[in-house]
mmCIF file of all heavy atoms, coordinates in Angstrom:
data_MODEL
# 
_entry.id   MODEL 
# 
loop_
_atom_site.group_PDB 
_atom_site.id 
_atom_site.type_symbol 
_atom_site.label_atom_id 
_atom_site.label_alt_id 
_atom_site.label_comp_id 
_atom_site.label_asym_id 
_atom_site.label_entity_id 
_atom_site.label_seq_id 
_atom_site.pdbx_PDB_ins_code 
_atom_site.Cartn_x 
_atom_site.Cartn_y 
_atom_site.Cartn_z 
_atom_site.occupancy 
_atom_site.B_iso_or_equiv 
_atom_site.pdbx_formal_charge 
_atom_site.auth_seq_id 
_atom_site.auth_comp_id 
_atom_site.auth_asym_id 
_atom_site.auth_atom_id 
_atom_site.pdbx_PDB_model_num 
ATOM 1   N N   . ILE A 1 1  ? 165.696 100.193 46.101 1.00 0.00 ? 1  ILE A N   1 
ATOM 2   C CA  . ILE A 1 1  ? 164.627 100.580 47.023 1.00 0.00 ? 1  ILE A CA  1 
ATOM 3   C C   . ILE A 1 1  ? 163.451 101.159 46.244 1.00 0.00 ? 1  ILE A C   1 
ATOM 4   O O   . ILE A 1 1  ? 162.290 100.997 46.637 1.00 0.00 ? 1  ILE A O   1 
ATOM 5   C CB  . ILE A 1 1  ? 165.142 101.564 48.082 1.00 0.00 ? 1  ILE A CB  1 
ATOM 6   C CG1 . ILE A 1 1  ? 164.157 101.695 49.238 1.00 0.00 ? 1  ILE A CG1 1 
ATOM 7   C CG2 . ILE A 1 1  ? 165.427 102.945 47.490 1.00 0.00 ? 1  ILE A CG2 1 
ATOM 8   C CD1 . ILE A 1 1  ? 164.688 102.471 50.433 1.00 0.00 ? 1  ILE A CD1 1 
ATOM 9   N N   . SER A 1 2  ? 163.712 101.792 45.096 1.00 0.00 ? 2  SER A N   1 
ATOM 10  C CA  . SER A 1 2  ? 162.655 102.382 44.287 1.00 0.00 ? 2  SER A CA  1 
ATOM 11  C C   . SER A 1 2  ? 161.982 101.373 43.384 1.00 0.00 ? 2  SER A C   1 
ATOM 12  O O   . SER A 1 2  ? 160.784 101.490 43.076 1.00 0.00 ? 2  SER A O   1 
ATOM 13  C CB  . SER A 1 2  ? 163.205 103.531 43.437 1.00 0.00 ? 2  SER A CB  1 
ATOM 14  O OG  . SER A 1 2  ? 163.684 104.577 44.253 1.00 0.00 ? 2  SER A OG  1 
ATOM 15  N N   . VAL A 1 3  ? 162.717 100.348 42.963 1.00 0.00 ? 3  VAL A N   1 
ATOM 16  C CA  . VAL A 1 3  ? 162.138 99.292  42.121 1.00 0.00 ? 3  VAL A CA  1 
ATOM 17  C C   . VAL A 1 3  ? 160.954 98.648  42.859 1.00 0.00 ? 3  VAL A C   1 
ATOM 18  O O   . VAL A 1 3  ? 159.947 98.283  42.233 1.00 0.00 ? 3  VAL A O   1 
ATOM 19  C CB  . VAL A 1 3  ? 163.211 98.248  41.744 1.00 0.00 ? 3  VAL A CB  1 
ATOM 20  C CG1 . VAL A 1 3  ? 162.577 96.986  41.185 1.00 0.00 ? 3  VAL A CG1 1 
ATOM 21  C CG2 . VAL A 1 3  ? 164.161 98.843  40.743 1.00 0.00 ? 3  VAL A CG2 1 
ATOM 22  N N   . GLU A 1 4  ? 161.061 98.538  44.168 1.00 0.00 ? 4  GLU A N   1 
ATOM 23  C CA  . GLU A 1 4  ? 159.991 97.892  44.947 1.00 0.00 ? 4  GLU A CA  1 
ATOM 24  C C   . GLU A 1 4  ? 158.729 98.735  44.997 1.00 0.00 ? 4  GLU A C   1 
ATOM 25  O O   . GLU A 1 4  ? 157.675 98.295  45.443 1.00 0.00 ? 4  GLU A O   1 
ATOM 26  C CB  . GLU A 1 4  ? 160.476 97.534  46.337 1.00 0.00 ? 4  GLU A CB  1 
ATOM 27  C CG  . GLU A 1 4  ? 161.516 96.423  46.310 1.00 0.00 ? 4  GLU A CG  1 
ATOM 28  C CD  . GLU A 1 4  ? 161.893 95.941  47.706 1.00 0.00 ? 4  GLU A CD  1 
ATOM 29  O OE1 . GLU A 1 4  ? 161.076 96.056  48.630 1.00 0.00 ? 4  GLU A OE1 1 
ATOM 30  O OE2 . GLU A 1 4  ? 163.051 95.503  47.845 1.00 0.00 ? 4  GLU A OE2 1 
ATOM 31  N N   . SER A 1 5  ? 158.852 100.015 44.584 1.00 0.00 ? 5  SER A N   1 
ATOM 32  C CA  . SER A 1 5  ? 157.674 100.870 44.451 1.00 0.00 ? 5  SER A CA  1 
ATOM 33  C C   . SER A 1 5  ? 157.105 100.843 43.042 1.00 0.00 ? 5  SER A C   1 
ATOM 34  O O   . SER A 1 5  ? 156.161 101.574 42.725 1.00 0.00 ? 5  SER A O   1 
ATOM 35  C CB  . SER A 1 5  ? 158.042 102.322 44.829 1.00 0.00 ? 5  SER A CB  1 
ATOM 36  O OG  . SER A 1 5  ? 158.257 102.454 46.203 1.00 0.00 ? 5  SER A OG  1 
ATOM 37  N N   . GLY A 1 6  ? 157.704 100.007 42.186 1.00 0.00 ? 6  GLY A N   1 
ATOM 38  C CA  . GLY A 1 6  ? 157.261 99.891  40.813 1.00 0.00 ? 6  GLY A CA  1 
ATOM 39  C C   . GLY A 1 6  ? 157.954 100.794 39.824 1.00 0.00 ? 6  GLY A C   1 
ATOM 40  O O   . GLY A 1 6  ? 157.591 100.841 38.643 1.00 0.00 ? 6  GLY A O   1 
ATOM 41  N N   . LEU A 1 7  ? 158.978 101.517 40.303 1.00 0.00 ? 7  LEU A N   1 
ATOM 42  C CA  . LEU A 1 7  ? 159.689 102.451 39.438 1.00 0.00 ? 7  LEU A CA  1 
ATOM 43  C C   . LEU A 1 7  ? 160.716 101.676 38.622 1.00 0.00 ? 7  LEU A C   1 
ATOM 44  O O   . LEU A 1 7  ? 161.570 101.007 39.165 1.00 0.00 ? 7  LEU A O   1 
ATOM 45  C CB  . LEU A 1 7  ? 160.363 103.526 40.270 1.00 0.00 ? 7  LEU A CB  1 
ATOM 46  C CG  . LEU A 1 7  ? 160.770 104.803 39.569 1.00 0.00 ? 7  LEU A CG  1 
ATOM 47  C CD1 . LEU A 1 7  ? 159.549 105.521 39.004 1.00 0.00 ? 7  LEU A CD1 1 
ATOM 48  C CD2 . LEU A 1 7  ? 161.495 105.735 40.544 1.00 0.00 ? 7  LEU A CD2 1 
ATOM 49  N N   . GLN A 1 8  ? 160.635 101.797 37.315 1.00 0.00 ? 8  GLN A N   1 
ATOM 50  C CA  . GLN A 1 8  ? 161.589 101.092 36.452 1.00 0.00 ? 8  GLN A CA  1 
ATOM 51  C C   . GLN A 1 8  ? 162.960 101.737 36.542 1.00 0.00 ? 8  GLN A C   1 
ATOM 52  O O   . GLN A 1 8  ? 163.094 102.952 36.730 1.00 0.00 ? 8  GLN A O   1 
ATOM 53  C CB  . GLN A 1 8  ? 161.105 101.117 34.984 1.00 0.00 ? 8  GLN A CB  1 
ATOM 54  C CG  . GLN A 1 8  ? 159.902 100.248 34.712 1.00 0.00 ? 8  GLN A CG  1 
ATOM 55  C CD  . GLN A 1 8  ? 159.477 100.336 33.277 1.00 0.00 ? 8  GLN A CD  1 
ATOM 56  O OE1 . GLN A 1 8  ? 158.716 101.201 32.911 1.00 0.00 ? 8  GLN A OE1 1 
ATOM 57  N NE2 . GLN A 1 8  ? 160.010 99.459  32.454 1.00 0.00 ? 8  GLN A NE2 1 
ATOM 58  N N   . THR A 1 9  ? 163.991 100.923 36.363 1.00 0.00 ? 9  THR A N   1 
ATOM 59  C CA  . THR A 1 9  ? 165.348 101.432 36.430 1.00 0.00 ? 9  THR A CA  1 
ATOM 60  C C   . THR A 1 9  ? 165.764 102.021 35.092 1.00 0.00 ? 9  THR A C   1 
ATOM 61  O O   . THR A 1 9  ? 165.142 101.765 34.059 1.00 0.00 ? 9  THR A O   1 
ATOM 62  C CB  . THR A 1 9  ? 166.341 100.322 36.828 1.00 0.00 ? 9  THR A CB  1 
ATOM 63  O OG1 . THR A 1 9  ? 166.273 99.288  35.845 1.00 0.00 ? 9  THR A OG1 1 
ATOM 64  C CG2 . THR A 1 9  ? 166.021 99.764  38.186 1.00 0.00 ? 9  THR A CG2 1 
ATOM 65  N N   . PHE A 1 10 ? 166.828 102.819 35.148 1.00 0.00 ? 10 PHE A N   1 
ATOM 66  C CA  . PHE A 1 10 ? 167.399 103.404 33.950 1.00 0.00 ? 10 PHE A CA  1 
ATOM 67  C C   . PHE A 1 10 ? 168.004 102.339 33.077 1.00 0.00 ? 10 PHE A C   1 
ATOM 68  O O   . PHE A 1 10 ? 167.762 102.231 31.882 1.00 0.00 ? 10 PHE A O   1 
ATOM 69  C CB  . PHE A 1 10 ? 168.417 104.439 34.400 1.00 0.00 ? 10 PHE A CB  1 
ATOM 70  C CG  . PHE A 1 10 ? 169.211 105.118 33.315 1.00 0.00 ? 10 PHE A CG  1 
ATOM 71  C CD1 . PHE A 1 10 ? 169.000 104.870 31.962 1.00 0.00 ? 10 PHE A CD1 1 
ATOM 72  C CD2 . PHE A 1 10 ? 170.181 106.029 33.659 1.00 0.00 ? 10 PHE A CD2 1 
ATOM 73  C CE1 . PHE A 1 10 ? 169.702 105.522 30.987 1.00 0.00 ? 10 PHE A CE1 1 
ATOM 74  C CE2 . PHE A 1 10 ? 170.911 106.670 32.693 1.00 0.00 ? 10 PHE A CE2 1 
ATOM 75  C CZ  . PHE A 1 10 ? 170.678 106.421 31.335 1.00 0.00 ? 10 PHE A CZ  1 
ATOM 76  N N   . ARG A 1 11 ? 168.820 101.474 33.706 1.00 0.00 ? 11 ARG A N   1 
ATOM 77  C CA  . ARG A 1 11 ? 169.542 100.442 32.964 1.00 0.00 ? 11 ARG A CA  1 
ATOM 78  C C   . ARG A 1 11 ? 169.066 99.072  33.385 1.00 0.00 ? 11 ARG A C   1 
ATOM 79  O O   . ARG A 1 11 ? 168.254 98.911  34.279 1.00 0.00 ? 11 ARG A O   1 
ATOM 80  C CB  . ARG A 1 11 ? 171.049 100.606 33.220 1.00 0.00 ? 11 ARG A CB  1 
ATOM 81  C CG  . ARG A 1 11 ? 171.610 101.862 32.637 1.00 0.00 ? 11 ARG A CG  1 
ATOM 82  C CD  . ARG A 1 11 ? 173.025 102.106 33.088 1.00 0.00 ? 11 ARG A CD  1 
ATOM 83  N NE  . ARG A 1 11 ? 173.096 102.487 34.498 1.00 0.00 ? 11 ARG A NE  1 
ATOM 84  C CZ  . ARG A 1 11 ? 174.223 102.738 35.129 1.00 0.00 ? 11 ARG A CZ  1 
ATOM 85  N NH1 . ARG A 1 11 ? 175.357 102.632 34.499 1.00 0.00 ? 11 ARG A NH1 1 
ATOM 86  N NH2 . ARG A 1 11 ? 174.192 103.095 36.385 1.00 0.00 ? 11 ARG A NH2 1 
ATOM 87  N N   . GLY A 1 12 ? 169.629 98.030  32.754 1.00 0.00 ? 12 GLY A N   1 
ATOM 88  C CA  . GLY A 1 12 ? 169.321 96.657  33.123 1.00 0.00 ? 12 GLY A CA  1 
ATOM 89  C C   . GLY A 1 12 ? 168.129 96.127  32.352 1.00 0.00 ? 12 GLY A C   1 
ATOM 90  O O   . GLY A 1 12 ? 167.370 96.858  31.706 1.00 0.00 ? 12 GLY A O   1 
ATOM 91  N N   . GLU A 1 13 ? 167.950 94.825  32.437 1.00 0.00 ? 13 GLU A N   1 
ATOM 92  C CA  . GLU A 1 13 ? 166.844 94.166  31.712 1.00 0.00 ? 13 GLU A CA  1 
ATOM 93  C C   . GLU A 1 13 ? 165.540 94.685  32.223 1.00 0.00 ? 13 GLU A C   1 
ATOM 94  O O   . GLU A 1 13 ? 165.269 94.735  33.439 1.00 0.00 ? 13 GLU A O   1 
ATOM 95  C CB  . GLU A 1 13 ? 166.941 92.648  31.899 1.00 0.00 ? 13 GLU A CB  1 
ATOM 96  C CG  . GLU A 1 13 ? 165.926 91.895  31.067 1.00 0.00 ? 13 GLU A CG  1 
ATOM 97  C CD  . GLU A 1 13 ? 166.123 90.394  31.177 1.00 0.00 ? 13 GLU A CD  1 
ATOM 98  O OE1 . GLU A 1 13 ? 167.154 89.957  31.761 1.00 0.00 ? 13 GLU A OE1 1 
ATOM 99  O OE2 . GLU A 1 13 ? 165.262 89.669  30.664 1.00 0.00 ? 13 GLU A OE2 1 
ATOM 100 N N   . GLY A 1 14 ? 164.676 95.136  31.333 1.00 0.00 ? 14 GLY A N   1 
ATOM 101 C CA  . GLY A 1 14 ? 163.394 95.692  31.707 1.00 0.00 ? 14 GLY A CA  1 
ATOM 102 C C   . GLY A 1 14 ? 163.469 97.177  32.014 1.00 0.00 ? 14 GLY A C   1 
ATOM 103 O O   . GLY A 1 14 ? 162.446 97.785  32.313 1.00 0.00 ? 14 GLY A O   1 
ATOM 104 N N   . GLY A 1 15 ? 164.657 97.765  31.986 1.00 0.00 ? 15 GLY A N   1 
ATOM 105 C CA  . GLY A 1 15 ? 164.804 99.178  32.299 1.00 0.00 ? 15 GLY A CA  1 
ATOM 106 C C   . GLY A 1 15 ? 164.256 100.062 31.184 1.00 0.00 ? 15 GLY A C   1 
ATOM 107 O O   . GLY A 1 15 ? 164.116 99.651  30.034 1.00 0.00 ? 15 GLY A O   1 
ATOM 108 N N   . LEU A 1 16 ? 163.967 101.298 31.556 1.00 0.00 ? 16 LEU A N   1 
ATOM 109 C CA  . LEU A 1 16 ? 163.501 102.247 30.576 1.00 0.00 ? 16 LEU A CA  1 
ATOM 110 C C   . LEU A 1 16 ? 164.553 102.498 29.519 1.00 0.00 ? 16 LEU A C   1 
ATOM 111 O O   . LEU A 1 16 ? 165.724 102.677 29.827 1.00 0.00 ? 16 LEU A O   1 
ATOM 112 C CB  . LEU A 1 16 ? 163.177 103.601 31.291 1.00 0.00 ? 16 LEU A CB  1 
ATOM 113 C CG  . LEU A 1 16 ? 161.884 103.653 32.074 1.00 0.00 ? 16 LEU A CG  1 
ATOM 114 C CD1 . LEU A 1 16 ? 161.854 104.946 32.896 1.00 0.00 ? 16 LEU A CD1 1 
ATOM 115 C CD2 . LEU A 1 16 ? 160.681 103.600 31.185 1.00 0.00 ? 16 LEU A CD2 1 
ATOM 116 N N   . TRP A 1 17 ? 164.173 102.500 28.265 1.00 0.00 ? 17 TRP A N   1 
ATOM 117 C CA  . TRP A 1 17 ? 165.021 102.877 27.169 1.00 0.00 ? 17 TRP A CA  1 
ATOM 118 C C   . TRP A 1 17 ? 166.303 102.031 27.137 1.00 0.00 ? 17 TRP A C   1 
ATOM 119 O O   . TRP A 1 17 ? 167.388 102.516 26.877 1.00 0.00 ? 17 TRP A O   1 
ATOM 120 C CB  . TRP A 1 17 ? 165.375 104.357 27.229 1.00 0.00 ? 17 TRP A CB  1 
ATOM 121 C CG  . TRP A 1 17 ? 164.217 105.264 27.003 1.00 0.00 ? 17 TRP A CG  1 
ATOM 122 C CD1 . TRP A 1 17 ? 162.995 105.211 27.632 1.00 0.00 ? 17 TRP A CD1 1 
ATOM 123 C CD2 . TRP A 1 17 ? 164.133 106.371 26.092 1.00 0.00 ? 17 TRP A CD2 1 
ATOM 124 N NE1 . TRP A 1 17 ? 162.193 106.213 27.189 1.00 0.00 ? 17 TRP A NE1 1 
ATOM 125 C CE2 . TRP A 1 17 ? 162.864 106.955 26.249 1.00 0.00 ? 17 TRP A CE2 1 
ATOM 126 C CE3 . TRP A 1 17 ? 165.036 106.940 25.199 1.00 0.00 ? 17 TRP A CE3 1 
ATOM 127 C CZ2 . TRP A 1 17 ? 162.469 108.043 25.531 1.00 0.00 ? 17 TRP A CZ2 1 
ATOM 128 C CZ3 . TRP A 1 17 ? 164.633 108.052 24.476 1.00 0.00 ? 17 TRP A CZ3 1 
ATOM 129 C CH2 . TRP A 1 17 ? 163.342 108.595 24.625 1.00 0.00 ? 17 TRP A CH2 1 
ATOM 130 N N   . ARG A 1 18 ? 166.153 100.748 27.437 1.00 0.00 ? 18 ARG A N   1 
ATOM 131 C CA  . ARG A 1 18 ? 167.327 99.871  27.585 1.00 0.00 ? 18 ARG A CA  1 
ATOM 132 C C   . ARG A 1 18 ? 168.082 99.657  26.278 1.00 0.00 ? 18 ARG A C   1 
ATOM 133 O O   . ARG A 1 18 ? 169.212 99.184  26.292 1.00 0.00 ? 18 ARG A O   1 
ATOM 134 C CB  . ARG A 1 18 ? 166.918 98.531  28.163 1.00 0.00 ? 18 ARG A CB  1 
ATOM 135 C CG  . ARG A 1 18 ? 165.951 97.715  27.330 1.00 0.00 ? 18 ARG A CG  1 
ATOM 136 C CD  . ARG A 1 18 ? 165.459 96.476  28.079 1.00 0.00 ? 18 ARG A CD  1 
ATOM 137 N NE  . ARG A 1 18 ? 164.513 95.701  27.306 1.00 0.00 ? 18 ARG A NE  1 
ATOM 138 C CZ  . ARG A 1 18 ? 163.219 95.990  27.212 1.00 0.00 ? 18 ARG A CZ  1 
ATOM 139 N NH1 . ARG A 1 18 ? 162.721 97.059  27.830 1.00 0.00 ? 18 ARG A NH1 1 
ATOM 140 N NH2 . ARG A 1 18 ? 162.410 95.231  26.510 1.00 0.00 ? 18 ARG A NH2 1 
ATOM 141 N N   . HIS A 1 19 ? 167.452 100.011 25.151 1.00 0.00 ? 19 HIS A N   1 
ATOM 142 C CA  . HIS A 1 19 ? 168.123 99.803  23.873 1.00 0.00 ? 19 HIS A CA  1 
ATOM 143 C C   . HIS A 1 19 ? 168.995 101.009 23.479 1.00 0.00 ? 19 HIS A C   1 
ATOM 144 O O   . HIS A 1 19 ? 169.642 101.002 22.452 1.00 0.00 ? 19 HIS A O   1 
ATOM 145 C CB  . HIS A 1 19 ? 167.090 99.555  22.764 1.00 0.00 ? 19 HIS A CB  1 
ATOM 146 C CG  . HIS A 1 19 ? 166.292 98.298  22.985 1.00 0.00 ? 19 HIS A CG  1 
ATOM 147 N ND1 . HIS A 1 19 ? 166.874 97.063  23.115 1.00 0.00 ? 19 HIS A ND1 1 
ATOM 148 C CD2 . HIS A 1 19 ? 164.942 98.126  23.152 1.00 0.00 ? 19 HIS A CD2 1 
ATOM 149 C CE1 . HIS A 1 19 ? 165.924 96.154  23.313 1.00 0.00 ? 19 HIS A CE1 1 
ATOM 150 N NE2 . HIS A 1 19 ? 164.747 96.779  23.334 1.00 0.00 ? 19 HIS A NE2 1 
ATOM 151 N N   . HIS A 1 20 ? 169.017 102.021 24.339 1.00 0.00 ? 20 HIS A N   1 
ATOM 152 C CA  . HIS A 1 20 ? 169.885 103.184 24.110 1.00 0.00 ? 20 HIS A CA  1 
ATOM 153 C C   . HIS A 1 20 ? 171.083 103.117 25.054 1.00 0.00 ? 20 HIS A C   1 
ATOM 154 O O   . HIS A 1 20 ? 170.946 102.748 26.211 1.00 0.00 ? 20 HIS A O   1 
ATOM 155 C CB  . HIS A 1 20 ? 169.121 104.482 24.375 1.00 0.00 ? 20 HIS A CB  1 
ATOM 156 C CG  . HIS A 1 20 ? 168.080 104.794 23.337 1.00 0.00 ? 20 HIS A CG  1 
ATOM 157 N ND1 . HIS A 1 20 ? 168.263 105.701 22.334 1.00 0.00 ? 20 HIS A ND1 1 
ATOM 158 C CD2 . HIS A 1 20 ? 166.840 104.289 23.182 1.00 0.00 ? 20 HIS A CD2 1 
ATOM 159 C CE1 . HIS A 1 20 ? 167.185 105.765 21.573 1.00 0.00 ? 20 HIS A CE1 1 
ATOM 160 N NE2 . HIS A 1 20 ? 166.286 104.916 22.068 1.00 0.00 ? 20 HIS A NE2 1 
ATOM 161 N N   . ARG A 1 21 ? 172.232 103.494 24.557 1.00 0.00 ? 21 ARG A N   1 
ATOM 162 C CA  . ARG A 1 21 ? 173.410 103.566 25.427 1.00 0.00 ? 21 ARG A CA  1 
ATOM 163 C C   . ARG A 1 21 ? 173.313 104.775 26.331 1.00 0.00 ? 21 ARG A C   1 
ATOM 164 O O   . ARG A 1 21 ? 172.666 105.762 26.015 1.00 0.00 ? 21 ARG A O   1 
ATOM 165 C CB  . ARG A 1 21 ? 174.673 103.675 24.575 1.00 0.00 ? 21 ARG A CB  1 
ATOM 166 C CG  . ARG A 1 21 ? 174.945 102.495 23.664 1.00 0.00 ? 21 ARG A CG  1 
ATOM 167 C CD  . ARG A 1 21 ? 176.350 102.561 23.068 1.00 0.00 ? 21 ARG A CD  1 
ATOM 168 N NE  . ARG A 1 21 ? 176.622 103.860 22.467 1.00 0.00 ? 21 ARG A NE  1 
ATOM 169 C CZ  . ARG A 1 21 ? 176.295 104.203 21.207 1.00 0.00 ? 21 ARG A CZ  1 
ATOM 170 N NH1 . ARG A 1 21 ? 175.663 103.301 20.450 1.00 0.00 ? 21 ARG A NH1 1 
ATOM 171 N NH2 . ARG A 1 21 ? 176.573 105.395 20.751 1.00 0.00 ? 21 ARG A NH2 1 
ATOM 172 N N   . ALA A 1 22 ? 173.954 104.698 27.495 1.00 0.00 ? 22 ALA A N   1 
ATOM 173 C CA  . ALA A 1 22 ? 173.958 105.816 28.433 1.00 0.00 ? 22 ALA A CA  1 
ATOM 174 C C   . ALA A 1 22 ? 174.455 107.097 27.779 1.00 0.00 ? 22 ALA A C   1 
ATOM 175 O O   . ALA A 1 22 ? 173.953 108.185 28.079 1.00 0.00 ? 22 ALA A O   1 
ATOM 176 C CB  . ALA A 1 22 ? 174.810 105.471 29.635 1.00 0.00 ? 22 ALA A CB  1 
ATOM 177 N N   . GLU A 1 23 ? 175.417 106.949 26.880 1.00 0.00 ? 23 GLU A N   1 
ATOM 178 C CA  . GLU A 1 23 ? 175.998 108.112 26.216 1.00 0.00 ? 23 GLU A CA  1 
ATOM 179 C C   . GLU A 1 23 ? 174.991 108.840 25.330 1.00 0.00 ? 23 GLU A C   1 
ATOM 180 O O   . GLU A 1 23 ? 175.177 109.985 24.936 1.00 0.00 ? 23 GLU A O   1 
ATOM 181 C CB  . GLU A 1 23 ? 177.227 107.717 25.398 1.00 0.00 ? 23 GLU A CB  1 
ATOM 182 C CG  . GLU A 1 23 ? 178.408 107.239 26.207 1.00 0.00 ? 23 GLU A CG  1 
ATOM 183 C CD  . GLU A 1 23 ? 178.257 105.812 26.719 1.00 0.00 ? 23 GLU A CD  1 
ATOM 184 O OE1 . GLU A 1 23 ? 177.288 105.120 26.315 1.00 0.00 ? 23 GLU A OE1 1 
ATOM 185 O OE2 . GLU A 1 23 ? 179.108 105.369 27.505 1.00 0.00 ? 23 GLU A OE2 1 
ATOM 186 N N   . GLN A 1 24 ? 173.912 108.140 24.969 1.00 0.00 ? 24 GLN A N   1 
ATOM 187 C CA  . GLN A 1 24 ? 172.877 108.742 24.141 1.00 0.00 ? 24 GLN A CA  1 
ATOM 188 C C   . GLN A 1 24 ? 171.823 109.499 24.967 1.00 0.00 ? 24 GLN A C   1 
ATOM 189 O O   . GLN A 1 24 ? 171.009 110.216 24.395 1.00 0.00 ? 24 GLN A O   1 
ATOM 190 C CB  . GLN A 1 24 ? 172.152 107.674 23.320 1.00 0.00 ? 24 GLN A CB  1 
ATOM 191 C CG  . GLN A 1 24 ? 173.026 106.984 22.270 1.00 0.00 ? 24 GLN A CG  1 
ATOM 192 C CD  . GLN A 1 24 ? 172.256 105.865 21.565 1.00 0.00 ? 24 GLN A CD  1 
ATOM 193 O OE1 . GLN A 1 24 ? 171.869 104.902 22.198 1.00 0.00 ? 24 GLN A OE1 1 
ATOM 194 N NE2 . GLN A 1 24 ? 172.038 106.045 20.281 1.00 0.00 ? 24 GLN A NE2 1 
ATOM 195 N N   . LEU A 1 25 ? 171.860 109.309 26.256 1.00 0.00 ? 25 LEU A N   1 
ATOM 196 C CA  . LEU A 1 25 ? 170.773 109.806 27.088 1.00 0.00 ? 25 LEU A CA  1 
ATOM 197 C C   . LEU A 1 25 ? 171.182 110.645 28.298 1.00 0.00 ? 25 LEU A C   1 
ATOM 198 O O   . LEU A 1 25 ? 170.426 111.521 28.704 1.00 0.00 ? 25 LEU A O   1 
ATOM 199 C CB  . LEU A 1 25 ? 169.941 108.610 27.606 1.00 0.00 ? 25 LEU A CB  1 
ATOM 200 C CG  . LEU A 1 25 ? 169.302 107.701 26.566 1.00 0.00 ? 25 LEU A CG  1 
ATOM 201 C CD1 . LEU A 1 25 ? 168.741 106.465 27.216 1.00 0.00 ? 25 LEU A CD1 1 
ATOM 202 C CD2 . LEU A 1 25 ? 168.233 108.444 25.801 1.00 0.00 ? 25 LEU A CD2 1 
# 
């Protein structure tokens, strides 16, 4: 629902900081 407002997701392709594992963040 937030992606449709232009908010990038935490994970997934195109997500913020996608090259970091969740355990790092």
